[in-house]
Amino acid sequence: MEDFLKRSPAAATRAARETFYFCAADSVVIPTNFVARTLGEFAEGLRGVSVHCIHHHFIEARLRLKLMSNDFSQWLHEDLGLTEAARQLNRLDIYTATLDNVREQIIRIVERALI
């Protein structure tokens, strides 16, 4: 942004149509009683965990792992050998859906892999 403003100083005084609010977040990880050893247990656990858990393992993990992946896909691929299901999860658009909708999409993919 600094480079842009050096090249276009008049832009710094332009008023925005809407206010932009910066925000920051700190993660607090709290263990739960949810454990999955099988794909069926995983699907059931997804129904019971909070959306905060979905956010931590599915969205925040991409930053934490510094990969284009998430904890769920990593587990499906590395521990269960479900590479296609892992790929499908990685292709979910997390920016145009609510976390509840993301949960539903994950469950659908996992349940298809159960068959």
PDB file of N, CA and C in Angstrom:
ATOM      1  N   MET A   1       0.819  -1.169   0.000  1.00  0.00           N
ATOM      2  CA  MET A   1       0.000   0.000   0.000  1.00  0.00           C
ATOM      3  C   MET A   1       0.873   1.246   0.000  1.00  0.00           C
ATOM      4  N   GLU A   2       1.969   1.178   0.762  1.00  0.00           N
ATOM      5  CA  GLU A   2       2.858   2.344   0.809  1.00  0.00           C
ATOM      6  C   GLU A   2       3.410   2.676  -0.569  1.00  0.00           C
ATOM      7  N   ASP A   3       3.803   1.634  -1.332  1.00  0.00           N
ATOM      8  CA  ASP A   3       4.322   1.859  -2.682  1.00  0.00           C
ATOM      9  C   ASP A   3       3.262   2.500  -3.573  1.00  0.00           C
ATOM     10  N   PHE A   4       2.035   2.016  -3.471  1.00  0.00           N
ATOM     11  CA  PHE A   4       0.949   2.580  -4.267  1.00  0.00           C
ATOM     12  C   PHE A   4       0.744   4.060  -3.937  1.00  0.00           C
ATOM     13  N   LEU A   5       0.736   4.385  -2.642  1.00  0.00           N
ATOM     14  CA  LEU A   5       0.515   5.778  -2.230  1.00  0.00           C
ATOM     15  C   LEU A   5       1.670   6.688  -2.646  1.00  0.00           C
ATOM     16  N   LYS A   6       2.877   6.139  -2.725  1.00  0.00           N
ATOM     17  CA  LYS A   6       4.008   6.949  -3.218  1.00  0.00           C
ATOM     18  C   LYS A   6       3.795   7.304  -4.688  1.00  0.00           C
ATOM     19  N   ARG A   7       3.280   6.336  -5.448  1.00  0.00           N
ATOM     20  CA  ARG A   7       3.044   6.565  -6.874  1.00  0.00           C
ATOM     21  C   ARG A   7       1.781   7.396  -7.118  1.00  0.00           C
ATOM     22  N   SER A   8       0.806   7.312  -6.210  1.00  0.00           N
ATOM     23  CA  SER A   8      -0.488   8.004  -6.384  1.00  0.00           C
ATOM     24  C   SER A   8      -0.876   8.706  -5.092  1.00  0.00           C
ATOM     25  N   PRO A   9      -0.189   9.768  -4.717  1.00  0.00           N
ATOM     26  CA  PRO A   9      -0.447  10.424  -3.428  1.00  0.00           C
ATOM     27  C   PRO A   9      -1.870  10.972  -3.292  1.00  0.00           C
ATOM     28  N   ALA A  10      -2.516  11.334  -4.385  1.00  0.00           N
ATOM     29  CA  ALA A  10      -3.878  11.878  -4.311  1.00  0.00           C
ATOM     30  C   ALA A  10      -4.872  10.830  -3.820  1.00  0.00           C
ATOM     31  N   ALA A  11      -4.550   9.576  -4.006  1.00  0.00           N
ATOM     32  CA  ALA A  11      -5.454   8.503  -3.576  1.00  0.00           C
ATOM     33  C   ALA A  11      -5.599   8.461  -2.058  1.00  0.00           C
ATOM     34  N   ALA A  12      -4.604   8.957  -1.338  1.00  0.00           N
ATOM     35  CA  ALA A  12      -4.633   8.917   0.126  1.00  0.00           C
ATOM     36  C   ALA A  12      -5.749   9.781   0.709  1.00  0.00           C
ATOM     37  N   THR A  13      -6.200  10.778  -0.024  1.00  0.00           N
ATOM     38  CA  THR A  13      -7.225  11.680   0.498  1.00  0.00           C
ATOM     39  C   THR A  13      -8.626  11.327   0.004  1.00  0.00           C
ATOM     40  N   ARG A  14      -8.718  10.331  -0.856  1.00  0.00           N
ATOM     41  CA  ARG A  14     -10.024   9.930  -1.391  1.00  0.00           C
ATOM     42  C   ARG A  14     -10.872   9.283  -0.304  1.00  0.00           C
ATOM     43  N   ALA A  15     -12.115   9.707  -0.198  1.00  0.00           N
ATOM     44  CA  ALA A  15     -13.025   9.132   0.796  1.00  0.00           C
ATOM     45  C   ALA A  15     -13.630   7.832   0.260  1.00  0.00           C
ATOM     46  N   ALA A  16     -13.767   6.882   1.136  1.00  0.00           N
ATOM     47  CA  ALA A  16     -14.364   5.593   0.754  1.00  0.00           C
ATOM     48  C   ALA A  16     -15.883   5.690   0.821  1.00  0.00           C
ATOM     49  N   ARG A  17     -16.541   4.833   0.057  1.00  0.00           N
ATOM     50  CA  ARG A  17     -18.011   4.789   0.113  1.00  0.00           C
ATOM     51  C   ARG A  17     -18.473   4.126   1.408  1.00  0.00           C
ATOM     52  N   GLU A  18     -17.671   3.161   1.878  1.00  0.00           N
ATOM     53  CA  GLU A  18     -17.990   2.473   3.131  1.00  0.00           C
ATOM     54  C   GLU A  18     -16.733   2.394   3.980  1.00  0.00           C
ATOM     55  N   THR A  19     -16.910   2.347   5.289  1.00  0.00           N
ATOM     56  CA  THR A  19     -15.790   2.228   6.211  1.00  0.00           C
ATOM     57  C   THR A  19     -15.237   0.813   6.158  1.00  0.00           C
ATOM     58  N   PHE A  20     -13.918   0.687   6.201  1.00  0.00           N
ATOM     59  CA  PHE A  20     -13.278  -0.622   6.267  1.00  0.00           C
ATOM     60  C   PHE A  20     -12.743  -0.804   7.671  1.00  0.00           C
ATOM     61  N   TYR A  21     -13.081  -1.923   8.305  1.00  0.00           N
ATOM     62  CA  TYR A  21     -12.631  -2.216   9.660  1.00  0.00           C
ATOM     63  C   TYR A  21     -11.624  -3.356   9.632  1.00  0.00           C
ATOM     64  N   PHE A  22     -10.445  -3.105  10.165  1.00  0.00           N
ATOM     65  CA  PHE A  22      -9.453  -4.153  10.302  1.00  0.00           C
ATOM     66  C   PHE A  22      -9.774  -4.935  11.572  1.00  0.00           C
ATOM     67  N   CYS A  23      -9.469  -6.203  11.551  1.00  0.00           N
ATOM     68  CA  CYS A  23      -9.679  -6.986  12.764  1.00  0.00           C
ATOM     69  C   CYS A  23      -8.556  -8.000  12.894  1.00  0.00           C
ATOM     70  N   ALA A  24      -8.399  -8.494  14.087  1.00  0.00           N
ATOM     71  CA  ALA A  24      -7.403  -9.518  14.369  1.00  0.00           C
ATOM     72  C   ALA A  24      -8.055 -10.570  15.240  1.00  0.00           C
ATOM     73  N   ALA A  25      -7.478 -11.749  15.251  1.00  0.00           N
ATOM     74  CA  ALA A  25      -8.045 -12.833  16.058  1.00  0.00           C
ATOM     75  C   ALA A  25      -6.930 -13.595  16.744  1.00  0.00           C
ATOM     76  N   ASP A  26      -7.222 -14.028  17.934  1.00  0.00           N
ATOM     77  CA  ASP A  26      -6.326 -14.915  18.662  1.00  0.00           C
ATOM     78  C   ASP A  26      -7.043 -16.242  18.825  1.00  0.00           C
ATOM     79  N   SER A  27      -6.332 -17.319  18.591  1.00  0.00           N
ATOM     80  CA  SER A  27      -6.936 -18.646  18.719  1.00  0.00           C
ATOM     81  C   SER A  27      -6.735 -19.188  20.120  1.00  0.00           C
ATOM     82  N   VAL A  28      -7.779 -19.784  20.621  1.00  0.00           N
ATOM     83  CA  VAL A  28      -7.714 -20.497  21.890  1.00  0.00           C
ATOM     84  C   VAL A  28      -8.221 -21.899  21.599  1.00  0.00           C
ATOM     85  N   VAL A  29      -7.344 -22.884  21.738  1.00  0.00           N
ATOM     86  CA  VAL A  29      -7.700 -24.263  21.427  1.00  0.00           C
ATOM     87  C   VAL A  29      -8.074 -24.971  22.723  1.00  0.00           C
ATOM     88  N   ILE A  30      -9.271 -25.525  22.724  1.00  0.00           N
ATOM     89  CA  ILE A  30      -9.791 -26.228  23.900  1.00  0.00           C
ATOM     90  C   ILE A  30     -10.120 -27.652  23.482  1.00  0.00           C
ATOM     91  N   PRO A  31      -9.545 -28.640  24.158  1.00  0.00           N
ATOM     92  CA  PRO A  31      -9.859 -30.034  23.802  1.00  0.00           C
ATOM     93  C   PRO A  31     -11.351 -30.332  23.990  1.00  0.00           C
ATOM     94  N   THR A  32     -11.873 -31.200  23.122  1.00  0.00           N
ATOM     95  CA  THR A  32     -13.265 -31.631  23.236  1.00  0.00           C
ATOM     96  C   THR A  32     -13.293 -33.139  23.484  1.00  0.00           C
ATOM     97  N   ASN A  33     -14.475 -33.665  23.657  1.00  0.00           N
ATOM     98  CA  ASN A  33     -14.640 -35.110  23.824  1.00  0.00           C
ATOM     99  C   ASN A  33     -14.809 -35.814  22.483  1.00  0.00           C
ATOM    100  N   PHE A  34     -14.761 -35.074  21.383  1.00  0.00           N
ATOM    101  CA  PHE A  34     -14.961 -35.659  20.064  1.00  0.00           C
ATOM    102  C   PHE A  34     -13.661 -36.277  19.556  1.00  0.00           C
ATOM    103  N   VAL A  35     -13.739 -37.567  19.215  1.00  0.00           N
ATOM    104  CA  VAL A  35     -12.595 -38.301  18.686  1.00  0.00           C
ATOM    105  C   VAL A  35     -13.098 -39.144  17.523  1.00  0.00           C
ATOM    106  N   ALA A  36     -12.316 -39.202  16.446  1.00  0.00           N
ATOM    107  CA  ALA A  36     -12.708 -40.024  15.293  1.00  0.00           C
ATOM    108  C   ALA A  36     -11.566 -40.957  14.926  1.00  0.00           C
ATOM    109  N   ARG A  37     -11.870 -42.224  14.906  1.00  0.00           N
ATOM    110  CA  ARG A  37     -10.900 -43.234  14.473  1.00  0.00           C
ATOM    111  C   ARG A  37     -11.299 -43.831  13.131  1.00  0.00           C
ATOM    112  N   THR A  38     -12.574 -43.628  12.768  1.00  0.00           N
ATOM    113  CA  THR A  38     -13.097 -44.147  11.505  1.00  0.00           C
ATOM    114  C   THR A  38     -13.800 -43.014  10.764  1.00  0.00           C
ATOM    115  N   LEU A  39     -14.070 -43.251   9.499  1.00  0.00           N
ATOM    116  CA  LEU A  39     -14.775 -42.244   8.700  1.00  0.00           C
ATOM    117  C   LEU A  39     -16.187 -42.012   9.237  1.00  0.00           C
ATOM    118  N   GLY A  40     -16.847 -43.071   9.701  1.00  0.00           N
ATOM    119  CA  GLY A  40     -18.180 -42.926  10.284  1.00  0.00           C
ATOM    120  C   GLY A  40     -18.159 -42.075  11.543  1.00  0.00           C
ATOM    121  N   GLU A  41     -17.179 -42.310  12.405  1.00  0.00           N
ATOM    122  CA  GLU A  41     -17.050 -41.497  13.622  1.00  0.00           C
ATOM    123  C   GLU A  41     -16.743 -40.041  13.262  1.00  0.00           C
ATOM    124  N   PHE A  42     -15.984 -39.859  12.199  1.00  0.00           N
ATOM    125  CA  PHE A  42     -15.652 -38.501  11.750  1.00  0.00           C
ATOM    126  C   PHE A  42     -16.907 -37.761  11.299  1.00  0.00           C
ATOM    127  N   ALA A  43     -17.728 -38.431  10.489  1.00  0.00           N
ATOM    128  CA  ALA A  43     -18.971 -37.806  10.018  1.00  0.00           C
ATOM    129  C   ALA A  43     -19.870 -37.461  11.196  1.00  0.00           C
ATOM    130  N   GLU A  44     -19.975 -38.361  12.148  1.00  0.00           N
ATOM    131  CA  GLU A  44     -20.812 -38.109  13.331  1.00  0.00           C
ATOM    132  C   GLU A  44     -20.242 -36.966  14.162  1.00  0.00           C
ATOM    133  N   GLY A  45     -18.932 -36.935  14.320  1.00  0.00           N
ATOM    134  CA  GLY A  45     -18.291 -35.865  15.080  1.00  0.00           C
ATOM    135  C   GLY A  45     -18.498 -34.507  14.438  1.00  0.00           C
ATOM    136  N   LEU A  46     -18.459 -34.450  13.104  1.00  0.00           N
ATOM    137  CA  LEU A  46     -18.687 -33.185  12.404  1.00  0.00           C
ATOM    138  C   LEU A  46     -20.057 -32.607  12.721  1.00  0.00           C
ATOM    139  N   ARG A  47     -21.026 -33.483  12.925  1.00  0.00           N
ATOM    140  CA  ARG A  47     -22.383 -33.013  13.257  1.00  0.00           C
ATOM    141  C   ARG A  47     -22.455 -32.417  14.665  1.00  0.00           C
ATOM    142  N   GLY A  48     -21.560 -32.849  15.543  1.00  0.00           N
ATOM    143  CA  GLY A  48     -21.638 -32.429  16.935  1.00  0.00           C
ATOM    144  C   GLY A  48     -20.727 -31.294  17.346  1.00  0.00           C
ATOM    145  N   VAL A  49     -19.653 -31.064  16.602  1.00  0.00           N
ATOM    146  CA  VAL A  49     -18.711 -30.025  17.013  1.00  0.00           C
ATOM    147  C   VAL A  49     -19.253 -28.637  16.671  1.00  0.00           C
ATOM    148  N   SER A  50     -18.709 -27.639  17.323  1.00  0.00           N
ATOM    149  CA  SER A  50     -19.127 -26.261  17.039  1.00  0.00           C
ATOM    150  C   SER A  50     -18.521 -25.789  15.728  1.00  0.00           C
ATOM    151  N   VAL A  51     -19.073 -24.714  15.193  1.00  0.00           N
ATOM    152  CA  VAL A  51     -18.515 -24.147  13.970  1.00  0.00           C
ATOM    153  C   VAL A  51     -17.107 -23.598  14.214  1.00  0.00           C
ATOM    154  N   HIS A  52     -16.800 -23.307  15.467  1.00  0.00           N
ATOM    155  CA  HIS A  52     -15.452 -22.834  15.801  1.00  0.00           C
ATOM    156  C   HIS A  52     -14.423 -23.938  15.553  1.00  0.00           C
ATOM    157  N   CYS A  53     -14.827 -25.165  15.820  1.00  0.00           N
ATOM    158  CA  CYS A  53     -13.961 -26.315  15.555  1.00  0.00           C
ATOM    159  C   CYS A  53     -13.757 -26.483  14.048  1.00  0.00           C
ATOM    160  N   ILE A  54     -14.833 -26.317  13.296  1.00  0.00           N
ATOM    161  CA  ILE A  54     -14.746 -26.388  11.832  1.00  0.00           C
ATOM    162  C   ILE A  54     -13.772 -25.311  11.344  1.00  0.00           C
ATOM    163  N   HIS A  55     -13.908 -24.114  11.863  1.00  0.00           N
ATOM    164  CA  HIS A  55     -13.024 -23.008  11.471  1.00  0.00           C
ATOM    165  C   HIS A  55     -11.571 -23.352  11.785  1.00  0.00           C
ATOM    166  N   HIS A  56     -11.303 -23.848  12.974  1.00  0.00           N
ATOM    167  CA  HIS A  56      -9.929 -24.158  13.390  1.00  0.00           C
ATOM    168  C   HIS A  56      -9.292 -25.209  12.484  1.00  0.00           C
ATOM    169  N   HIS A  57      -9.990 -26.309  12.269  1.00  0.00           N
ATOM    170  CA  HIS A  57      -9.406 -27.423  11.524  1.00  0.00           C
ATOM    171  C   HIS A  57      -9.495 -27.277  10.006  1.00  0.00           C
ATOM    172  N   PHE A  58     -10.472 -26.510   9.538  1.00  0.00           N
ATOM    173  CA  PHE A  58     -10.674 -26.438   8.095  1.00  0.00           C
ATOM    174  C   PHE A  58     -10.152 -25.145   7.473  1.00  0.00           C
ATOM    175  N   ILE A  59     -10.257 -24.047   8.185  1.00  0.00           N
ATOM    176  CA  ILE A  59      -9.855 -22.761   7.616  1.00  0.00           C
ATOM    177  C   ILE A  59      -8.534 -22.276   8.203  1.00  0.00           C
ATOM    178  N   GLU A  60      -8.465 -22.194   9.510  1.00  0.00           N
ATOM    179  CA  GLU A  60      -7.251 -21.700  10.150  1.00  0.00           C
ATOM    180  C   GLU A  60      -6.057 -22.625   9.897  1.00  0.00           C
ATOM    181  N   ALA A  61      -6.320 -23.907   9.722  1.00  0.00           N
ATOM    182  CA  ALA A  61      -5.237 -24.873   9.472  1.00  0.00           C
ATOM    183  C   ALA A  61      -4.449 -24.527   8.222  1.00  0.00           C
ATOM    184  N   ARG A  62      -5.102 -23.936   7.235  1.00  0.00           N
ATOM    185  CA  ARG A  62      -4.400 -23.564   6.000  1.00  0.00           C
ATOM    186  C   ARG A  62      -3.274 -22.581   6.298  1.00  0.00           C
ATOM    187  N   LEU A  63      -3.509 -21.691   7.242  1.00  0.00           N
ATOM    188  CA  LEU A  63      -2.480 -20.734   7.636  1.00  0.00           C
ATOM    189  C   LEU A  63      -1.445 -21.396   8.535  1.00  0.00           C
ATOM    190  N   ARG A  64      -1.931 -22.200   9.475  1.00  0.00           N
ATOM    191  CA  ARG A  64      -1.051 -22.861  10.437  1.00  0.00           C
ATOM    192  C   ARG A  64      -0.105 -23.824   9.737  1.00  0.00           C
ATOM    193  N   LEU A  65      -0.621 -24.596   8.774  1.00  0.00           N
ATOM    194  CA  LEU A  65       0.191 -25.575   8.066  1.00  0.00           C
ATOM    195  C   LEU A  65       1.013 -24.959   6.946  1.00  0.00           C
ATOM    196  N   LYS A  66       0.658 -23.710   6.586  1.00  0.00           N
ATOM    197  CA  LYS A  66       1.290 -23.032   5.446  1.00  0.00           C
ATOM    198  C   LYS A  66       1.193 -23.889   4.188  1.00  0.00           C
ATOM    199  N   LEU A  67       0.052 -24.528   4.032  1.00  0.00           N
ATOM    200  CA  LEU A  67      -0.234 -25.363   2.865  1.00  0.00           C
ATOM    201  C   LEU A  67      -1.560 -24.936   2.276  1.00  0.00           C
ATOM    202  N   MET A  68      -1.863 -25.419   1.114  1.00  0.00           N
ATOM    203  CA  MET A  68      -3.181 -25.195   0.529  1.00  0.00           C
ATOM    204  C   MET A  68      -4.086 -26.362   0.915  1.00  0.00           C
ATOM    205  N   SER A  69      -4.088 -26.684   2.178  1.00  0.00           N
ATOM    206  CA  SER A  69      -4.859 -27.821   2.660  1.00  0.00           C
ATOM    207  C   SER A  69      -5.409 -27.501   4.034  1.00  0.00           C
ATOM    208  N   ASN A  70      -5.961 -28.512   4.688  1.00  0.00           N
ATOM    209  CA  ASN A  70      -6.562 -28.346   6.000  1.00  0.00           C
ATOM    210  C   ASN A  70      -6.379 -29.639   6.780  1.00  0.00           C
ATOM    211  N   ASP A  71      -6.660 -29.601   8.064  1.00  0.00           N
ATOM    212  CA  ASP A  71      -6.474 -30.784   8.905  1.00  0.00           C
ATOM    213  C   ASP A  71      -7.325 -31.963   8.441  1.00  0.00           C
ATOM    214  N   PHE A  72      -8.564 -31.696   8.030  1.00  0.00           N
ATOM    215  CA  PHE A  72      -9.466 -32.774   7.617  1.00  0.00           C
ATOM    216  C   PHE A  72      -8.926 -33.491   6.382  1.00  0.00           C
ATOM    217  N   SER A  73      -8.529 -32.725   5.375  1.00  0.00           N
ATOM    218  CA  SER A  73      -7.996 -33.319   4.147  1.00  0.00           C
ATOM    219  C   SER A  73      -6.705 -34.073   4.417  1.00  0.00           C
ATOM    220  N   GLN A  74      -5.863 -33.506   5.257  1.00  0.00           N
ATOM    221  CA  GLN A  74      -4.614 -34.185   5.603  1.00  0.00           C
ATOM    222  C   GLN A  74      -4.902 -35.554   6.218  1.00  0.00           C
ATOM    223  N   TRP A  75      -5.851 -35.614   7.148  1.00  0.00           N
ATOM    224  CA  TRP A  75      -6.198 -36.870   7.817  1.00  0.00           C
ATOM    225  C   TRP A  75      -6.788 -37.869   6.827  1.00  0.00           C
ATOM    226  N   LEU A  76      -7.728 -37.389   5.995  1.00  0.00           N
ATOM    227  CA  LEU A  76      -8.342 -38.276   5.007  1.00  0.00           C
ATOM    228  C   LEU A  76      -7.289 -38.850   4.060  1.00  0.00           C
ATOM    229  N   HIS A  77      -6.388 -38.029   3.610  1.00  0.00           N
ATOM    230  CA  HIS A  77      -5.368 -38.466   2.647  1.00  0.00           C
ATOM    231  C   HIS A  77      -4.296 -39.338   3.305  1.00  0.00           C
ATOM    232  N   GLU A  78      -3.681 -38.824   4.374  1.00  0.00           N
ATOM    233  CA  GLU A  78      -2.521 -39.493   4.968  1.00  0.00           C
ATOM    234  C   GLU A  78      -2.879 -40.711   5.805  1.00  0.00           C
ATOM    235  N   ASP A  79      -3.956 -40.627   6.583  1.00  0.00           N
ATOM    236  CA  ASP A  79      -4.275 -41.722   7.496  1.00  0.00           C
ATOM    237  C   ASP A  79      -5.290 -42.716   6.948  1.00  0.00           C
ATOM    238  N   LEU A  80      -6.196 -42.255   6.081  1.00  0.00           N
ATOM    239  CA  LEU A  80      -7.220 -43.153   5.561  1.00  0.00           C
ATOM    240  C   LEU A  80      -7.032 -43.491   4.082  1.00  0.00           C
ATOM    241  N   GLY A  81      -6.113 -42.816   3.421  1.00  0.00           N
ATOM    242  CA  GLY A  81      -5.865 -43.090   2.019  1.00  0.00           C
ATOM    243  C   GLY A  81      -6.992 -42.656   1.095  1.00  0.00           C
ATOM    244  N   LEU A  82      -7.817 -41.722   1.536  1.00  0.00           N
ATOM    245  CA  LEU A  82      -8.955 -41.231   0.747  1.00  0.00           C
ATOM    246  C   LEU A  82      -8.561 -39.948   0.015  1.00  0.00           C
ATOM    247  N   THR A  83      -7.707 -40.112  -0.966  1.00  0.00           N
ATOM    248  CA  THR A  83      -7.143 -38.973  -1.686  1.00  0.00           C
ATOM    249  C   THR A  83      -8.206 -38.154  -2.399  1.00  0.00           C
ATOM    250  N   GLU A  84      -9.164 -38.808  -3.054  1.00  0.00           N
ATOM    251  CA  GLU A  84     -10.193 -38.065  -3.793  1.00  0.00           C
ATOM    252  C   GLU A  84     -11.084 -37.265  -2.844  1.00  0.00           C
ATOM    253  N   ALA A  85     -11.479 -37.837  -1.733  1.00  0.00           N
ATOM    254  CA  ALA A  85     -12.290 -37.105  -0.746  1.00  0.00           C
ATOM    255  C   ALA A  85     -11.491 -35.907  -0.215  1.00  0.00           C
ATOM    256  N   ALA A  86     -10.213 -36.108   0.033  1.00  0.00           N
ATOM    257  CA  ALA A  86      -9.351 -35.013   0.502  1.00  0.00           C
ATOM    258  C   ALA A  86      -9.294 -33.896  -0.532  1.00  0.00           C
ATOM    259  N   ARG A  87      -9.172 -34.268  -1.812  1.00  0.00           N
ATOM    260  CA  ARG A  87      -9.146 -33.258  -2.888  1.00  0.00           C
ATOM    261  C   ARG A  87     -10.462 -32.487  -2.941  1.00  0.00           C
ATOM    262  N   GLN A  88     -11.567 -33.204  -2.802  1.00  0.00           N
ATOM    263  CA  GLN A  88     -12.876 -32.549  -2.842  1.00  0.00           C
ATOM    264  C   GLN A  88     -13.017 -31.539  -1.702  1.00  0.00           C
ATOM    265  N   LEU A  89     -12.553 -31.902  -0.514  1.00  0.00           N
ATOM    266  CA  LEU A  89     -12.612 -30.958   0.606  1.00  0.00           C
ATOM    267  C   LEU A  89     -11.763 -29.722   0.316  1.00  0.00           C
ATOM    268  N   ASN A  90     -10.600 -29.929  -0.251  1.00  0.00           N
ATOM    269  CA  ASN A  90      -9.723 -28.798  -0.555  1.00  0.00           C
ATOM    270  C   ASN A  90     -10.315 -27.857  -1.589  1.00  0.00           C
ATOM    271  N   ARG A  91     -11.221 -28.355  -2.409  1.00  0.00           N
ATOM    272  CA  ARG A  91     -11.839 -27.519  -3.451  1.00  0.00           C
ATOM    273  C   ARG A  91     -13.060 -26.742  -2.950  1.00  0.00           C
ATOM    274  N   LEU A  92     -13.505 -26.985  -1.716  1.00  0.00           N
ATOM    275  CA  LEU A  92     -14.666 -26.252  -1.197  1.00  0.00           C
ATOM    276  C   LEU A  92     -14.352 -24.762  -1.115  1.00  0.00           C
ATOM    277  N   ASP A  93     -15.298 -23.941  -1.530  1.00  0.00           N
ATOM    278  CA  ASP A  93     -15.137 -22.493  -1.487  1.00  0.00           C
ATOM    279  C   ASP A  93     -15.571 -21.990  -0.114  1.00  0.00           C
ATOM    280  N   ILE A  94     -14.600 -21.700   0.725  1.00  0.00           N
ATOM    281  CA  ILE A  94     -14.890 -21.278   2.098  1.00  0.00           C
ATOM    282  C   ILE A  94     -15.279 -19.810   2.194  1.00  0.00           C
ATOM    283  N   TYR A  95     -15.163 -19.078   1.094  1.00  0.00           N
ATOM    284  CA  TYR A  95     -15.418 -17.643   1.138  1.00  0.00           C
ATOM    285  C   TYR A  95     -16.831 -17.255   0.750  1.00  0.00           C
ATOM    286  N   THR A  96     -17.586 -18.175   0.196  1.00  0.00           N
ATOM    287  CA  THR A  96     -18.949 -17.844  -0.221  1.00  0.00           C
ATOM    288  C   THR A  96     -19.994 -18.661   0.529  1.00  0.00           C
ATOM    289  N   ALA A  97     -19.611 -19.260   1.640  1.00  0.00           N
ATOM    290  CA  ALA A  97     -20.531 -20.098   2.400  1.00  0.00           C
ATOM    291  C   ALA A  97     -20.396 -19.795   3.890  1.00  0.00           C
ATOM    292  N   THR A  98     -21.444 -20.069   4.628  1.00  0.00           N
ATOM    293  CA  THR A  98     -21.364 -19.964   6.080  1.00  0.00           C
ATOM    294  C   THR A  98     -20.617 -21.187   6.604  1.00  0.00           C
ATOM    295  N   LEU A  99     -20.165 -21.135   7.836  1.00  0.00           N
ATOM    296  CA  LEU A  99     -19.487 -22.292   8.417  1.00  0.00           C
ATOM    297  C   LEU A  99     -20.435 -23.477   8.552  1.00  0.00           C
ATOM    298  N   ASP A 100     -21.712 -23.217   8.803  1.00  0.00           N
ATOM    299  CA  ASP A 100     -22.680 -24.317   8.848  1.00  0.00           C
ATOM    300  C   ASP A 100     -22.815 -24.967   7.476  1.00  0.00           C
ATOM    301  N   ASN A 101     -22.788 -24.152   6.428  1.00  0.00           N
ATOM    302  CA  ASN A 101     -22.857 -24.694   5.077  1.00  0.00           C
ATOM    303  C   ASN A 101     -21.592 -25.475   4.732  1.00  0.00           C
ATOM    304  N   VAL A 102     -20.441 -24.975   5.154  1.00  0.00           N
ATOM    305  CA  VAL A 102     -19.182 -25.695   4.946  1.00  0.00           C
ATOM    306  C   VAL A 102     -19.258 -27.053   5.643  1.00  0.00           C
ATOM    307  N   ARG A 103     -19.771 -27.067   6.868  1.00  0.00           N
ATOM    308  CA  ARG A 103     -19.930 -28.325   7.607  1.00  0.00           C
ATOM    309  C   ARG A 103     -20.778 -29.308   6.798  1.00  0.00           C
ATOM    310  N   GLU A 104     -21.917 -28.848   6.282  1.00  0.00           N
ATOM    311  CA  GLU A 104     -22.807 -29.714   5.500  1.00  0.00           C
ATOM    312  C   GLU A 104     -22.108 -30.269   4.273  1.00  0.00           C
ATOM    313  N   GLN A 105     -21.342 -29.432   3.596  1.00  0.00           N
ATOM    314  CA  GLN A 105     -20.614 -29.879   2.408  1.00  0.00           C
ATOM    315  C   GLN A 105     -19.554 -30.921   2.770  1.00  0.00           C
ATOM    316  N   ILE A 106     -18.852 -30.697   3.866  1.00  0.00           N
ATOM    317  CA  ILE A 106     -17.844 -31.668   4.314  1.00  0.00           C
ATOM    318  C   ILE A 106     -18.510 -33.001   4.628  1.00  0.00           C
ATOM    319  N   ILE A 107     -19.627 -32.952   5.348  1.00  0.00           N
ATOM    320  CA  ILE A 107     -20.340 -34.185   5.707  1.00  0.00           C
ATOM    321  C   ILE A 107     -20.786 -34.937   4.457  1.00  0.00           C
ATOM    322  N   ARG A 108     -21.301 -34.218   3.462  1.00  0.00           N
ATOM    323  CA  ARG A 108     -21.730 -34.880   2.211  1.00  0.00           C
ATOM    324  C   ARG A 108     -20.560 -35.592   1.536  1.00  0.00           C
ATOM    325  N   ILE A 109     -19.425 -34.941   1.482  1.00  0.00           N
ATOM    326  CA  ILE A 109     -18.246 -35.549   0.850  1.00  0.00           C
ATOM    327  C   ILE A 109     -17.806 -36.777   1.642  1.00  0.00           C
ATOM    328  N   VAL A 110     -17.773 -36.650   2.959  1.00  0.00           N
ATOM    329  CA  VAL A 110     -17.346 -37.772   3.814  1.00  0.00           C
ATOM    330  C   VAL A 110     -18.332 -38.936   3.690  1.00  0.00           C
ATOM    331  N   GLU A 111     -19.631 -38.652   3.668  1.00  0.00           N
ATOM    332  CA  GLU A 111     -20.614 -39.726   3.562  1.00  0.00           C
ATOM    333  C   GLU A 111     -20.541 -40.422   2.202  1.00  0.00           C
ATOM    334  N   ARG A 112     -20.240 -39.685   1.141  1.00  0.00           N
ATOM    335  CA  ARG A 112     -20.052 -40.335  -0.170  1.00  0.00           C
ATOM    336  C   ARG A 112     -18.844 -41.268  -0.135  1.00  0.00           C
ATOM    337  N   ALA A 113     -17.820 -40.885   0.613  1.00  0.00           N
ATOM    338  CA  ALA A 113     -16.621 -41.732   0.718  1.00  0.00           C
ATOM    339  C   ALA A 113     -16.885 -42.987   1.547  1.00  0.00           C
ATOM    340  N   LEU A 114     -17.933 -42.943   2.390  1.00  0.00           N
ATOM    341  CA  LEU A 114     -18.302 -44.112   3.206  1.00  0.00           C
ATOM    342  C   LEU A 114     -18.866 -45.248   2.349  1.00  0.00           C
ATOM    343  N   ILE A 115     -19.463 -44.882   1.212  1.00  0.00           N
ATOM    344  CA  ILE A 115     -20.150 -45.877   0.373  1.00  0.00           C
ATOM    345  C   ILE A 115     -19.168 -46.739  -0.381  1.00  0.00           C
TER     346      ILE A 115
END
